[in-house]
C-alpha atoms as a PDB file:
ATOM      1  CA  MET A   1       0.000   0.000   0.000  1.00  0.00           C
ATOM      2  CA  GLN A   2       1.314   3.443  -0.890  1.00  0.00           C
ATOM      3  CA  LEU A   3       0.058   5.730   1.861  1.00  0.00           C
ATOM      4  CA  ASN A   4      -0.816   9.317   1.029  1.00  0.00           C
ATOM      5  CA  LEU A   5       1.641  11.114   3.297  1.00  0.00           C
ATOM      6  CA  ASN A   6       0.182  14.510   2.470  1.00  0.00           C
ATOM      7  CA  ASN A   7      -2.445  13.948   5.152  1.00  0.00           C
ATOM      8  CA  LEU A   8       0.034  13.125   7.907  1.00  0.00           C
ATOM      9  CA  ASN A   9       1.820  15.413  10.339  1.00  0.00           C
ATOM     10  CA  LEU A  10       5.347  15.422   8.975  1.00  0.00           C
ATOM     11  CA  THR A  11       6.535  18.569  10.745  1.00  0.00           C
ATOM     12  CA  ASN A  12       7.083  19.688  14.317  1.00  0.00           C
ATOM     13  CA  TYR A  13      10.392  17.827  14.804  1.00  0.00           C
ATOM     14  CA  ASP A  14      13.561  19.619  15.790  1.00  0.00           C
ATOM     15  CA  THR A  15      17.188  18.472  15.935  1.00  0.00           C
ATOM     16  CA  ASN A  16      17.977  21.153  18.508  1.00  0.00           C
ATOM     17  CA  ILE A  17      15.812  19.735  21.297  1.00  0.00           C
ATOM     18  CA  ILE A  18      16.052  16.579  23.385  1.00  0.00           C
ATOM     19  CA  TYR A  19      12.851  14.569  23.086  1.00  0.00           C
ATOM     20  CA  ASP A  20      11.421  12.664  26.014  1.00  0.00           C
ATOM     21  CA  VAL A  21      11.160   9.620  23.770  1.00  0.00           C
ATOM     22  CA  ILE A  22      11.941   8.781  20.169  1.00  0.00           C
ATOM     23  CA  ILE A  23      10.024   5.853  18.684  1.00  0.00           C
ATOM     24  CA  LEU A  24      11.544   3.936  15.785  1.00  0.00           C
ATOM     25  CA  GLY A  25       9.199   1.942  13.562  1.00  0.00           C
ATOM     26  CA  GLY A  26       5.862   2.462  11.830  1.00  0.00           C
ATOM     27  CA  GLY A  27       4.235  -0.905  12.451  1.00  0.00           C
ATOM     28  CA  PRO A  28       1.611  -1.704  15.118  1.00  0.00           C
ATOM     29  CA  ALA A  29       4.187  -1.583  17.948  1.00  0.00           C
ATOM     30  CA  GLY A  30       5.665   1.778  17.017  1.00  0.00           C
ATOM     31  CA  LEU A  31       2.328   3.372  16.156  1.00  0.00           C
ATOM     32  CA  ASN A  32       0.674   2.288  19.388  1.00  0.00           C
ATOM     33  CA  ALA A  33       3.722   3.413  21.372  1.00  0.00           C
ATOM     34  CA  SER A  34       3.386   6.859  19.810  1.00  0.00           C
ATOM     35  CA  ILE A  35      -0.291   7.039  20.776  1.00  0.00           C
ATOM     36  CA  TYR A  36       0.412   6.168  24.405  1.00  0.00           C
ATOM     37  CA  ALA A  37       3.404   8.499  24.551  1.00  0.00           C
ATOM     38  CA  LYS A  38       1.162  11.292  23.316  1.00  0.00           C
ATOM     39  CA  ARG A  39      -1.498  10.464  25.919  1.00  0.00           C
ATOM     40  CA  LYS A  40       1.157  10.640  28.637  1.00  0.00           C
ATOM     41  CA  GLY A  41       2.152  14.106  27.483  1.00  0.00           C
ATOM     42  CA  LEU A  42       5.640  13.106  26.411  1.00  0.00           C
ATOM     43  CA  LYS A  43       7.543  15.171  23.876  1.00  0.00           C
ATOM     44  CA  SER A  44       7.903  12.411  21.315  1.00  0.00           C
ATOM     45  CA  LEU A  45       8.974  11.809  17.733  1.00  0.00           C
ATOM     46  CA  LEU A  46       8.011   8.817  15.613  1.00  0.00           C
ATOM     47  CA  ILE A  47      10.574   7.952  12.925  1.00  0.00           C
ATOM     48  CA  THR A  48       9.847   5.372  10.228  1.00  0.00           C
ATOM     49  CA  HIS A  49      10.517   4.786   6.568  1.00  0.00           C
ATOM     50  CA  LYS A  50       6.823   4.142   5.965  1.00  0.00           C
ATOM     51  CA  ILE A  51       3.627   3.391   7.842  1.00  0.00           C
ATOM     52  CA  GLY A  52       2.446  -0.205   8.147  1.00  0.00           C
ATOM     53  CA  GLY A  53       5.433  -2.386   8.931  1.00  0.00           C
ATOM     54  CA  GLN A  54       4.819  -6.106   8.370  1.00  0.00           C
ATOM     55  CA  LEU A  55       1.144  -5.357   7.773  1.00  0.00           C
ATOM     56  CA  GLU A  56       2.114  -4.496   4.216  1.00  0.00           C
ATOM     57  CA  ASN A  57       3.008  -8.168   3.707  1.00  0.00           C
ATOM     58  CA  THR A  58      -0.405  -9.362   4.882  1.00  0.00           C
ATOM     59  CA  LYS A  59      -3.631  -9.223   2.922  1.00  0.00           C
ATOM     60  CA  GLU A  60      -6.455 -10.509   5.111  1.00  0.00           C
ATOM     61  CA  ILE A  61      -6.672 -10.134   8.896  1.00  0.00           C
ATOM     62  CA  GLU A  62      -9.202 -12.201  10.823  1.00  0.00           C
ATOM     63  CA  ASN A  63      -7.760 -12.195  14.347  1.00  0.00           C
ATOM     64  CA  TYR A  64      -7.605  -8.524  15.359  1.00  0.00           C
ATOM     65  CA  LEU A  65     -10.042  -7.664  18.147  1.00  0.00           C
ATOM     66  CA  GLY A  66     -13.006  -5.684  16.881  1.00  0.00           C
ATOM     67  CA  PHE A  67     -12.750  -6.927  13.302  1.00  0.00           C
ATOM     68  CA  SER A  68     -13.945 -10.380  12.267  1.00  0.00           C
ATOM     69  CA  TYR A  69     -12.329  -9.490   8.952  1.00  0.00           C
ATOM     70  CA  ILE A  70     -10.368  -6.491   7.687  1.00  0.00           C
ATOM     71  CA  ASP A  71      -7.880  -6.134   4.854  1.00  0.00           C
ATOM     72  CA  SER A  72      -4.453  -4.805   5.767  1.00  0.00           C
ATOM     73  CA  ASN A  73      -4.801  -1.624   3.710  1.00  0.00           C
ATOM     74  CA  SER A  74      -7.883  -0.648   5.676  1.00  0.00           C
ATOM     75  CA  LEU A  75      -6.247  -1.414   9.016  1.00  0.00           C
ATOM     76  CA  ILE A  76      -3.165   0.621   8.069  1.00  0.00           C
ATOM     77  CA  ALA A  77      -5.444   3.486   7.047  1.00  0.00           C
ATOM     78  CA  ASN A  78      -7.257   3.256  10.389  1.00  0.00           C
ATOM     79  CA  PHE A  79      -3.961   3.335  12.257  1.00  0.00           C
ATOM     80  CA  SER A  80      -2.778   6.317  10.213  1.00  0.00           C
ATOM     81  CA  ASN A  81      -5.989   8.251  10.767  1.00  0.00           C
ATOM     82  CA  HIS A  82      -5.670   7.663  14.509  1.00  0.00           C
ATOM     83  CA  ILE A  83      -2.083   8.935  14.503  1.00  0.00           C
ATOM     84  CA  ASN A  84      -3.080  11.955  12.457  1.00  0.00           C
ATOM     85  CA  SER A  85      -5.990  12.833  14.756  1.00  0.00           C
ATOM     86  CA  LEU A  86      -3.607  13.153  17.719  1.00  0.00           C
ATOM     87  CA  ASP A  87      -1.177  15.508  15.972  1.00  0.00           C
ATOM     88  CA  ILE A  88       1.738  13.153  16.657  1.00  0.00           C
ATOM     89  CA  SER A  89       5.124  14.306  15.361  1.00  0.00           C
ATOM     90  CA  LEU A  90       6.039  11.927  12.567  1.00  0.00           C
ATOM     91  CA  MET A  91       8.997  11.650  10.201  1.00  0.00           C
ATOM     92  CA  THR A  92       8.839   9.270   7.213  1.00  0.00           C
ATOM     93  CA  ASN A  93      10.884   8.358   4.141  1.00  0.00           C
ATOM     94  CA  VAL A  94      14.100   8.097   6.173  1.00  0.00           C
ATOM     95  CA  TYR A  95      16.236   5.259   7.499  1.00  0.00           C
ATOM     96  CA  VAL A  96      18.104   5.116  10.794  1.00  0.00           C
ATOM     97  CA  THR A  97      21.807   4.470  10.250  1.00  0.00           C
ATOM     98  CA  ASN A  98      23.186   4.572  13.790  1.00  0.00           C
ATOM     99  CA  ILE A  99      22.108   4.556  17.439  1.00  0.00           C
ATOM    100  CA  ASP A 100      24.345   5.656  20.308  1.00  0.00           C
ATOM    101  CA  LYS A 101      23.873   6.483  23.958  1.00  0.00           C
ATOM    102  CA  LEU A 102      26.113   8.935  25.780  1.00  0.00           C
ATOM    103  CA  ASN A 103      25.422   9.444  29.475  1.00  0.00           C
ATOM    104  CA  ASP A 104      21.611   9.666  29.622  1.00  0.00           C
ATOM    105  CA  THR A 105      20.993  10.734  26.033  1.00  0.00           C
ATOM    106  CA  PHE A 106      20.262   8.629  22.952  1.00  0.00           C
ATOM    107  CA  TYR A 107      21.576   9.870  19.595  1.00  0.00           C
ATOM    108  CA  ILE A 108      19.675   8.716  16.502  1.00  0.00           C
ATOM    109  CA  THR A 109      21.464   9.286  13.176  1.00  0.00           C
ATOM    110  CA  LEU A 110      19.425   9.221   9.963  1.00  0.00           C
ATOM    111  CA  ASP A 111      20.450   8.596   6.374  1.00  0.00           C
ATOM    112  CA  ASN A 112      20.006  12.302   5.642  1.00  0.00           C
ATOM    113  CA  GLY A 113      22.807  13.058   8.102  1.00  0.00           C
ATOM    114  CA  LEU A 114      20.603  14.600  10.791  1.00  0.00           C
ATOM    115  CA  ILE A 115      20.961  13.498  14.407  1.00  0.00           C
ATOM    116  CA  TYR A 116      18.056  13.501  16.864  1.00  0.00           C
ATOM    117  CA  LYS A 117      18.381  13.240  20.641  1.00  0.00           C
ATOM    118  CA  SER A 118      16.094  11.726  23.284  1.00  0.00           C
ATOM    119  CA  LYS A 119      16.030  10.785  26.952  1.00  0.00           C
ATOM    120  CA  SER A 120      14.520   7.372  26.170  1.00  0.00           C
ATOM    121  CA  LEU A 121      14.121   5.196  23.095  1.00  0.00           C
ATOM    122  CA  ILE A 122      11.445   2.748  21.941  1.00  0.00           C
ATOM    123  CA  TYR A 123      12.810   0.426  19.257  1.00  0.00           C
ATOM    124  CA  ALA A 124      10.124  -1.216  17.104  1.00  0.00           C
ATOM    125  CA  LEU A 125      11.768  -1.889  13.749  1.00  0.00           C
ATOM    126  CA  GLY A 126      10.379  -5.401  13.478  1.00  0.00           C
ATOM    127  CA  SER A 127      11.964  -8.093  11.351  1.00  0.00           C
ATOM    128  CA  TYR A 128      12.781  -9.072   7.778  1.00  0.00           C
ATOM    129  CA  SER A 129      12.377 -12.247   5.736  1.00  0.00           C
ATOM    130  CA  LYS A 130      14.744 -15.186   6.056  1.00  0.00           C
ATOM    131  CA  ARG A 131      16.506 -16.413   2.930  1.00  0.00           C
ATOM    132  CA  LEU A 132      17.026 -19.997   1.845  1.00  0.00           C
ATOM    133  CA  GLY A 133      20.715 -19.295   1.397  1.00  0.00           C
ATOM    134  CA  LEU A 134      20.925 -21.064  -1.959  1.00  0.00           C
ATOM    135  CA  GLU A 135      22.934 -20.122  -5.019  1.00  0.00           C
ATOM    136  CA  ASN A 136      20.916 -17.989  -7.479  1.00  0.00           C
ATOM    137  CA  GLU A 137      18.515 -16.844  -4.766  1.00  0.00           C
ATOM    138  CA  ASN A 138      19.737 -13.273  -5.009  1.00  0.00           C
ATOM    139  CA  LYS A 139      20.401 -13.390  -8.756  1.00  0.00           C
ATOM    140  CA  LEU A 140      17.247 -14.683 -10.436  1.00  0.00           C
ATOM    141  CA  ASN A 141      13.989 -12.867 -10.987  1.00  0.00           C
ATOM    142  CA  LYS A 142      10.586 -14.277  -9.993  1.00  0.00           C
ATOM    143  CA  ILE A 143      11.719 -14.992  -6.432  1.00  0.00           C
ATOM    144  CA  SER A 144       9.622 -13.160  -3.863  1.00  0.00           C
ATOM    145  CA  TYR A 145       9.231 -12.790  -0.109  1.00  0.00           C
ATOM    146  CA  CYS A 146       5.886 -10.976  -0.302  1.00  0.00           C
ATOM    147  CA  SER A 147       2.864 -12.605  -1.921  1.00  0.00           C
ATOM    148  CA  VAL A 148       0.678  -9.601  -1.188  1.00  0.00           C
ATOM    149  CA  CYS A 149       3.068  -7.429  -3.176  1.00  0.00           C
ATOM    150  CA  ASP A 150       3.729  -9.776  -6.090  1.00  0.00           C
ATOM    151  CA  ALA A 151       0.892 -12.306  -6.441  1.00  0.00           C
ATOM    152  CA  PRO A 152      -0.869 -10.415  -9.289  1.00  0.00           C
ATOM    153  CA  PHE A 153       2.223 -10.909 -11.480  1.00  0.00           C
ATOM    154  CA  TYR A 154       1.726 -14.687 -11.495  1.00  0.00           C
ATOM    155  CA  LYS A 155      -1.639 -15.012 -13.212  1.00  0.00           C
ATOM    156  CA  ASP A 156      -2.080 -18.531 -14.650  1.00  0.00           C
ATOM    157  CA  HIS A 157       1.428 -19.541 -13.543  1.00  0.00           C
ATOM    158  CA  ASN A 158       2.657 -22.481 -11.507  1.00  0.00           C
ATOM    159  CA  VAL A 159       4.331 -21.304  -8.319  1.00  0.00           C
ATOM    160  CA  VAL A 160       5.902 -22.757  -5.186  1.00  0.00           C
ATOM    161  CA  VAL A 161       5.619 -21.445  -1.637  1.00  0.00           C
ATOM    162  CA  VAL A 162       8.377 -22.593   0.723  1.00  0.00           C
ATOM    163  CA  GLY A 163       7.349 -22.813   4.386  1.00  0.00           C
ATOM    164  CA  GLY A 164       4.716 -24.317   6.635  1.00  0.00           C
ATOM    165  CA  GLY A 165       3.708 -21.582   9.069  1.00  0.00           C
ATOM    166  CA  ASN A 166       0.883 -19.069   8.994  1.00  0.00           C
ATOM    167  CA  SER A 167       2.634 -16.710   6.582  1.00  0.00           C
ATOM    168  CA  ALA A 168       3.317 -19.519   4.108  1.00  0.00           C
ATOM    169  CA  LEU A 169      -0.254 -20.783   4.081  1.00  0.00           C
ATOM    170  CA  GLU A 170      -1.635 -17.249   3.867  1.00  0.00           C
ATOM    171  CA  ALA A 171       0.647 -16.676   0.869  1.00  0.00           C
ATOM    172  CA  ALA A 172      -0.509 -19.889  -0.795  1.00  0.00           C
ATOM    173  CA  ILE A 173      -4.173 -18.982  -0.315  1.00  0.00           C
ATOM    174  CA  ASP A 174      -3.577 -15.488  -1.670  1.00  0.00           C
ATOM    175  CA  LEU A 175      -1.736 -16.838  -4.713  1.00  0.00           C
ATOM    176  CA  THR A 176      -4.624 -19.138  -5.682  1.00  0.00           C
ATOM    177  CA  HIS A 177      -6.566 -16.036  -6.734  1.00  0.00           C
ATOM    178  CA  TYR A 178      -4.033 -15.553  -9.532  1.00  0.00           C
ATOM    179  CA  ALA A 179      -1.814 -18.596 -10.093  1.00  0.00           C
ATOM    180  CA  LYS A 180      -2.755 -21.705 -12.025  1.00  0.00           C
ATOM    181  CA  HIS A 181      -1.466 -23.936  -9.238  1.00  0.00           C
ATOM    182  CA  VAL A 182       0.389 -23.503  -5.952  1.00  0.00           C
ATOM    183  CA  THR A 183       2.677 -26.089  -4.380  1.00  0.00           C
ATOM    184  CA  ILE A 184       3.671 -25.736  -0.734  1.00  0.00           C
ATOM    185  CA  VAL A 185       7.098 -27.180   0.070  1.00  0.00           C
ATOM    186  CA  GLN A 186       7.745 -27.724   3.779  1.00  0.00           C
ATOM    187  CA  ARG A 187      10.768 -29.393   5.375  1.00  0.00           C
ATOM    188  CA  SER A 188       8.728 -31.020   8.172  1.00  0.00           C
ATOM    189  CA  THR A 189       5.036 -30.735   9.002  1.00  0.00           C
ATOM    190  CA  ILE A 190       2.554 -27.889   8.667  1.00  0.00           C
ATOM    191  CA  LYS A 191       2.675 -25.635  11.748  1.00  0.00           C
ATOM    192  CA  ALA A 192      -0.007 -23.096  10.897  1.00  0.00           C
ATOM    193  CA  ASP A 193      -3.284 -22.313  12.615  1.00  0.00           C
ATOM    194  CA  GLN A 194      -5.927 -24.974  12.005  1.00  0.00           C
ATOM    195  CA  ILE A 195      -8.268 -22.529  10.274  1.00  0.00           C
ATOM    196  CA  LEU A 196      -5.581 -21.906   7.634  1.00  0.00           C
ATOM    197  CA  VAL A 197      -4.788 -25.615   7.344  1.00  0.00           C
ATOM    198  CA  ASN A 198      -8.449 -26.309   6.617  1.00  0.00           C
ATOM    199  CA  LYS A 199      -8.574 -23.626   3.935  1.00  0.00           C
ATOM    200  CA  VAL A 200      -5.487 -25.030   2.223  1.00  0.00           C
ATOM    201  CA  ARG A 201      -6.644 -28.643   2.341  1.00  0.00           C
ATOM    202  CA  ASN A 202     -10.000 -27.684   0.861  1.00  0.00           C
ATOM    203  CA  ASN A 203      -8.430 -25.753  -2.017  1.00  0.00           C
ATOM    204  CA  SER A 204      -7.995 -27.851  -5.157  1.00  0.00           C
ATOM    205  CA  LYS A 205      -5.385 -25.434  -6.509  1.00  0.00           C
ATOM    206  CA  ILE A 206      -2.935 -26.214  -3.679  1.00  0.00           C
ATOM    207  CA  THR A 207      -0.648 -29.235  -3.314  1.00  0.00           C
ATOM    208  CA  ILE A 208       1.430 -29.848  -0.188  1.00  0.00           C
ATOM    209  CA  LEU A 209       4.819 -31.588  -0.177  1.00  0.00           C
ATOM    210  CA  LEU A 210       5.903 -32.408   3.377  1.00  0.00           C
ATOM    211  CA  ASN A 211       9.331 -33.554   4.564  1.00  0.00           C
ATOM    212  CA  THR A 212      10.720 -31.797   1.511  1.00  0.00           C
ATOM    213  CA  VAL A 213      13.489 -29.222   1.160  1.00  0.00           C
ATOM    214  CA  VAL A 214      14.592 -27.038  -1.739  1.00  0.00           C
ATOM    215  CA  THR A 215      18.174 -27.923  -2.673  1.00  0.00           C
ATOM    216  CA  LYS A 216      18.685 -25.896  -5.841  1.00  0.00           C
ATOM    217  CA  ILE A 217      17.115 -23.012  -7.744  1.00  0.00           C
ATOM    218  CA  ASN A 218      17.488 -23.222 -11.521  1.00  0.00           C
ATOM    219  CA  GLY A 219      17.104 -20.616 -14.249  1.00  0.00           C
ATOM    220  CA  THR A 220      18.850 -18.148 -16.525  1.00  0.00           C
ATOM    221  CA  ASP A 221      17.249 -14.771 -15.878  1.00  0.00           C
ATOM    222  CA  SER A 222      14.218 -15.912 -13.897  1.00  0.00           C
ATOM    223  CA  VAL A 223      13.540 -19.016 -11.840  1.00  0.00           C
ATOM    224  CA  GLU A 224      12.496 -21.882 -14.124  1.00  0.00           C
ATOM    225  CA  SER A 225      12.611 -24.856 -11.792  1.00  0.00           C
ATOM    226  CA  ILE A 226      13.732 -26.017  -8.369  1.00  0.00           C
ATOM    227  CA  ASN A 227      15.219 -29.274  -7.138  1.00  0.00           C
ATOM    228  CA  VAL A 228      13.552 -30.681  -4.046  1.00  0.00           C
ATOM    229  CA  LEU A 229      14.674 -33.495  -1.771  1.00  0.00           C
ATOM    230  CA  ASN A 230      12.328 -35.755   0.170  1.00  0.00           C
ATOM    231  CA  THR A 231      14.141 -36.146   3.486  1.00  0.00           C
ATOM    232  CA  LYS A 232      12.500 -39.527   4.203  1.00  0.00           C
ATOM    233  CA  THR A 233      13.082 -41.252   0.864  1.00  0.00           C
ATOM    234  CA  ASN A 234      16.106 -39.202  -0.308  1.00  0.00           C
ATOM    235  CA  PHE A 235      14.337 -38.908  -3.664  1.00  0.00           C
ATOM    236  CA  ILE A 236      15.224 -35.757  -5.617  1.00  0.00           C
ATOM    237  CA  ASN A 237      12.583 -34.267  -7.880  1.00  0.00           C
ATOM    238  CA  THR A 238      12.522 -31.255 -10.182  1.00  0.00           C
ATOM    239  CA  LEU A 239       9.534 -28.901 -10.134  1.00  0.00           C
ATOM    240  CA  ASN A 240       9.054 -26.688 -13.180  1.00  0.00           C
ATOM    241  CA  ILE A 241       7.706 -23.374 -11.929  1.00  0.00           C
ATOM    242  CA  ASN A 242       7.276 -19.738 -12.914  1.00  0.00           C
ATOM    243  CA  GLY A 243       7.644 -18.235  -9.462  1.00  0.00           C
ATOM    244  CA  LEU A 244       9.086 -18.978  -6.024  1.00  0.00           C
ATOM    245  CA  PHE A 245       7.749 -17.465  -2.806  1.00  0.00           C
ATOM    246  CA  ILE A 246       9.865 -17.923   0.301  1.00  0.00           C
ATOM    247  CA  GLU A 247       8.004 -17.800   3.623  1.00  0.00           C
ATOM    248  CA  ILE A 248      10.288 -19.518   6.133  1.00  0.00           C
ATOM    249  CA  GLY A 249      10.212 -17.002   8.938  1.00  0.00           C
ATOM    250  CA  LYS A 250      11.695 -13.689   9.967  1.00  0.00           C
ATOM    251  CA  ILE A 251      14.968 -12.346  11.338  1.00  0.00           C
ATOM    252  CA  PRO A 252      14.748  -9.580  13.974  1.00  0.00           C
ATOM    253  CA  ASN A 253      15.848  -6.251  12.511  1.00  0.00           C
ATOM    254  CA  THR A 254      18.204  -5.411  15.366  1.00  0.00           C
ATOM    255  CA  LYS A 255      21.587  -4.727  13.777  1.00  0.00           C
ATOM    256  CA  LEU A 256      21.359  -1.068  14.829  1.00  0.00           C
ATOM    257  CA  LEU A 257      21.326  -2.126  18.486  1.00  0.00           C
ATOM    258  CA  SER A 258      24.337  -4.429  18.334  1.00  0.00           C
ATOM    259  CA  ASN A 259      26.802  -1.759  19.476  1.00  0.00           C
ATOM    260  CA  ILE A 260      24.834  -0.729  22.568  1.00  0.00           C
ATOM    261  CA  ILE A 261      23.320  -3.988  23.892  1.00  0.00           C
ATOM    262  CA  SER A 262      23.879  -7.715  23.560  1.00  0.00           C
ATOM    263  CA  LEU A 263      21.593  -9.681  21.246  1.00  0.00           C
ATOM    264  CA  GLU A 264      20.230 -13.193  21.542  1.00  0.00           C
ATOM    265  CA  ARG A 265      21.600 -15.933  19.283  1.00  0.00           C
ATOM    266  CA  ASN A 266      18.690 -15.429  16.874  1.00  0.00           C
ATOM    267  CA  LEU A 267      19.386 -11.648  16.914  1.00  0.00           C
ATOM    268  CA  SER A 268      16.295 -10.839  18.974  1.00  0.00           C
ATOM    269  CA  VAL A 269      16.422  -8.559  22.016  1.00  0.00           C
ATOM    270  CA  GLN A 270      15.838  -9.961  25.483  1.00  0.00           C
ATOM    271  CA  VAL A 271      13.119  -7.927  27.177  1.00  0.00           C
ATOM    272  CA  ASN A 272      11.196  -8.338  30.423  1.00  0.00           C
ATOM    273  CA  ALA A 273       7.435  -8.030  30.919  1.00  0.00           C
ATOM    274  CA  TYR A 274       7.822  -4.234  30.804  1.00  0.00           C
ATOM    275  CA  GLN A 275       9.635  -4.215  27.418  1.00  0.00           C
ATOM    276  CA  GLN A 276      12.790  -3.090  29.241  1.00  0.00           C
ATOM    277  CA  THR A 277      16.249  -4.140  28.063  1.00  0.00           C
ATOM    278  CA  GLU A 278      19.626  -4.380  29.753  1.00  0.00           C
ATOM    279  CA  LEU A 279      20.243  -0.741  28.796  1.00  0.00           C
ATOM    280  CA  GLU A 280      18.476   1.825  30.933  1.00  0.00           C
ATOM    281  CA  GLY A 281      16.024   3.906  28.943  1.00  0.00           C
ATOM    282  CA  LEU A 282      15.867   1.507  25.981  1.00  0.00           C
ATOM    283  CA  PHE A 283      12.577  -0.297  25.378  1.00  0.00           C
ATOM    284  CA  VAL A 284      11.948  -2.771  22.568  1.00  0.00           C
ATOM    285  CA  ALA A 285       8.542  -3.854  21.262  1.00  0.00           C
ATOM    286  CA  GLY A 286       7.184  -6.061  18.498  1.00  0.00           C
ATOM    287  CA  ASP A 287       8.992  -8.567  16.305  1.00  0.00           C
ATOM    288  CA  SER A 288      12.461  -7.404  17.361  1.00  0.00           C
ATOM    289  CA  THR A 289      11.962  -8.913  20.827  1.00  0.00           C
ATOM    290  CA  ASN A 290      12.551 -12.461  22.031  1.00  0.00           C
ATOM    291  CA  PHE A 291       8.786 -12.967  22.435  1.00  0.00           C
ATOM    292  CA  THR A 292       7.776 -16.038  20.428  1.00  0.00           C
ATOM    293  CA  HIS A 293       4.303 -15.036  19.205  1.00  0.00           C
ATOM    294  CA  ASN A 294       4.527 -12.496  16.387  1.00  0.00           C
ATOM    295  CA  GLN A 295       0.986 -11.167  16.168  1.00  0.00           C
ATOM    296  CA  ILE A 296      -0.393  -7.730  15.299  1.00  0.00           C
ATOM    297  CA  ILE A 297      -2.317  -7.381  18.537  1.00  0.00           C
ATOM    298  CA  ILE A 298       0.672  -8.505  20.623  1.00  0.00           C
ATOM    299  CA  ALA A 299       3.005  -6.036  18.899  1.00  0.00           C
ATOM    300  CA  ALA A 300       0.490  -3.249  19.479  1.00  0.00           C
ATOM    301  CA  SER A 301       0.167  -4.138  23.168  1.00  0.00           C
ATOM    302  CA  GLN A 302       3.947  -4.252  23.582  1.00  0.00           C
ATOM    303  CA  GLY A 303       4.151  -0.793  22.045  1.00  0.00           C
ATOM    304  CA  ALA A 304       1.666   0.492  24.585  1.00  0.00           C
ATOM    305  CA  ILE A 305       3.596  -1.123  27.453  1.00  0.00           C
ATOM    306  CA  ALA A 306       6.871   0.336  26.196  1.00  0.00           C
ATOM    307  CA  ALA A 307       5.438   3.866  26.122  1.00  0.00           C
ATOM    308  CA  LEU A 308       3.863   3.559  29.558  1.00  0.00           C
ATOM    309  CA  GLU A 309       7.120   2.243  30.998  1.00  0.00           C
ATOM    310  CA  ALA A 310       9.132   4.960  29.266  1.00  0.00           C
ATOM    311  CA  SER A 311       6.880   7.498  30.967  1.00  0.00           C
ATOM    312  CA  LYS A 312       7.496   5.853  34.356  1.00  0.00           C
ATOM    313  CA  TYR A 313      11.235   5.760  33.665  1.00  0.00           C
ATOM    314  CA  LEU A 314      11.309   9.500  32.952  1.00  0.00           C
ATOM    315  CA  LEU A 315       9.229  10.287  36.044  1.00  0.00           C
ATOM    316  CA  LYS A 316      11.623   8.339  38.253  1.00  0.00           C
ATOM    317  CA  LYS A 317      14.527  10.279  36.820  1.00  0.00           C
ATOM    318  CA  GLY A 318      12.695  13.510  37.510  1.00  0.00           C
ATOM    319  CA  GLU A 319      12.447  14.374  33.828  1.00  0.00           C
END
């Protein structure tokens, strides 16, 4: 979704002041943190490249309280309208390049060279898609990590979705609206919610290959086929396809924090029940944390907790 930024508050930020809290990330965690920071009267700044976060990689949402069904574009628009109604200071179309803390002040450097300062920091930059790590993966066209973005380009094509979790099955279901046939390749068993499993099993345009791994991606300019190995029989098969969608999980987007705190082995950030980290004044919410359930409503709640705790932190320091 390309959000119309003309209707958002993109001013009112100042490099010469020290904010009470800077919030990094425009997904549910960062947006909700900004709402609660505003309600607490904190001088805050929300910095993100764009609004939506991982929601942009989702099409249909059926598990967000208050909506039995809502498409992601509508939910993003609702979030944006809420932010706009509160006159929250927001900066978009930028990337953070460095984070430092000196004494009690955080320094946030952006790709435009500007540096912003704050007394506390809420980090909610989410995660990014895992790669298979195979040769040609980064060279060939027709390999995607976002079915919502790219599914319409595969009308009447045969495609493969790699993965067996919720995101993989959601991608497969979405692709059936365009593709001729969808094959799910999963290294073990399906691990998605039962409601998604039922939808996939009842869809004649979807085939599931379990205990199967992709060993090679073939093609000249675009992917033309993949080699798959059945891990129980050791039989290698070649699937002729026109598109490959990889949905094997996410990697926490935490590289920016690696010079100020320690990261878990999977690159997530260890937080307590209050979204606090080992570094005083730093709060992390959403998919960057070590919390195992990556859900929209959980990310939003963690954002709220982070903002409330940031407010308490500043009060204790007499700020």
